[in-house]
Amino acid sequence: MTQSNLGTGYSNRIKDDRTENLEQAIAFYQQSLELEENIGNVQGQAVTFHQLAISC
């Protein structure tokens, strides 16, 4: 959950370079998806996929 929240924070960040912020957001979302898969959190994966889709 924390990784997903960090992804959202970076995708919404207005400071610094937008491309770098999105790249960092994607990296956090990918980490979140991996963790959610490992613990079997299907609902969390769905939320993270949604956040990833709307951030780009």
C-alpha atoms as a PDB file:
ATOM      1  CA  MET A   1       0.000   0.000   0.000  1.00  0.00           C
ATOM      2  CA  THR A   2       2.796   2.412   0.854  1.00  0.00           C
ATOM      3  CA  GLN A   3       4.498   1.849  -2.497  1.00  0.00           C
ATOM      4  CA  SER A   4       1.229   2.564  -4.267  1.00  0.00           C
ATOM      5  CA  ASN A   5       0.766   5.776  -2.280  1.00  0.00           C
ATOM      6  CA  LEU A   6       4.289   6.858  -3.188  1.00  0.00           C
ATOM      7  CA  GLY A   7       3.448   6.198  -6.822  1.00  0.00           C
ATOM      8  CA  THR A   8       0.398   8.416  -6.551  1.00  0.00           C
ATOM      9  CA  GLY A   9       2.448  11.122  -4.879  1.00  0.00           C
ATOM     10  CA  TYR A  10       5.007  11.136  -7.646  1.00  0.00           C
ATOM     11  CA  SER A  11       2.410  11.011 -10.403  1.00  0.00           C
ATOM     12  CA  ASN A  12       0.736  14.102  -8.920  1.00  0.00           C
ATOM     13  CA  ARG A  13       3.984  15.926  -8.134  1.00  0.00           C
ATOM     14  CA  ILE A  14       4.269  19.321  -9.820  1.00  0.00           C
ATOM     15  CA  LYS A  15       7.813  20.088  -8.659  1.00  0.00           C
ATOM     16  CA  ASP A  16      10.813  19.125 -10.823  1.00  0.00           C
ATOM     17  CA  ASP A  17      10.751  17.241 -14.124  1.00  0.00           C
ATOM     18  CA  ARG A  18       7.388  15.676 -15.044  1.00  0.00           C
ATOM     19  CA  THR A  19       8.967  12.784 -16.947  1.00  0.00           C
ATOM     20  CA  GLU A  20      11.235  11.855 -14.046  1.00  0.00           C
ATOM     21  CA  ASN A  21       8.312  12.038 -11.632  1.00  0.00           C
ATOM     22  CA  LEU A  22       6.251   9.698 -13.816  1.00  0.00           C
ATOM     23  CA  GLU A  23       9.152   7.268 -14.163  1.00  0.00           C
ATOM     24  CA  GLN A  24       9.506   7.194 -10.379  1.00  0.00           C
ATOM     25  CA  ALA A  25       5.746   6.751  -9.981  1.00  0.00           C
ATOM     26  CA  ILE A  26       5.768   3.792 -12.380  1.00  0.00           C
ATOM     27  CA  ALA A  27       8.645   2.203 -10.462  1.00  0.00           C
ATOM     28  CA  PHE A  28       6.721   2.508  -7.176  1.00  0.00           C
ATOM     29  CA  TYR A  29       3.560   1.100  -8.771  1.00  0.00           C
ATOM     30  CA  GLN A  30       5.547  -1.867 -10.114  1.00  0.00           C
ATOM     31  CA  GLN A  31       6.980  -2.525  -6.647  1.00  0.00           C
ATOM     32  CA  SER A  32       3.487  -2.322  -5.215  1.00  0.00           C
ATOM     33  CA  LEU A  33       2.142  -4.802  -7.770  1.00  0.00           C
ATOM     34  CA  GLU A  34       4.927  -7.249  -6.968  1.00  0.00           C
ATOM     35  CA  LEU A  35       4.248  -7.041  -3.235  1.00  0.00           C
ATOM     36  CA  GLU A  36       0.502  -7.364  -3.697  1.00  0.00           C
ATOM     37  CA  GLU A  37       0.967 -10.398  -5.923  1.00  0.00           C
ATOM     38  CA  ASN A  38       3.258 -12.036  -3.356  1.00  0.00           C
ATOM     39  CA  ILE A  39       0.648 -11.699  -0.608  1.00  0.00           C
ATOM     40  CA  GLY A  40      -2.305 -12.527  -2.860  1.00  0.00           C
ATOM     41  CA  ASN A  41      -3.968  -9.120  -2.617  1.00  0.00           C
ATOM     42  CA  VAL A  42      -6.030  -9.155  -5.804  1.00  0.00           C
ATOM     43  CA  GLN A  43      -8.074  -6.095  -4.850  1.00  0.00           C
ATOM     44  CA  GLY A  44      -4.886  -4.143  -4.124  1.00  0.00           C
ATOM     45  CA  GLN A  45      -3.517  -5.134  -7.513  1.00  0.00           C
ATOM     46  CA  ALA A  46      -6.664  -3.863  -9.201  1.00  0.00           C
ATOM     47  CA  VAL A  47      -6.407  -0.516  -7.405  1.00  0.00           C
ATOM     48  CA  THR A  48      -2.738  -0.173  -8.287  1.00  0.00           C
ATOM     49  CA  PHE A  49      -3.380  -1.016 -11.947  1.00  0.00           C
ATOM     50  CA  HIS A  50      -6.082   1.646 -11.979  1.00  0.00           C
ATOM     51  CA  GLN A  51      -3.780   4.240 -10.398  1.00  0.00           C
ATOM     52  CA  LEU A  52      -1.059   3.361 -12.873  1.00  0.00           C
ATOM     53  CA  ALA A  53      -3.442   3.751 -15.791  1.00  0.00           C
ATOM     54  CA  ILE A  54      -4.727   7.163 -14.739  1.00  0.00           C
ATOM     55  CA  SER A  55      -1.272   8.525 -13.910  1.00  0.00           C
ATOM     56  CA  CYS A  56       0.052   8.246 -17.471  1.00  0.00           C
END
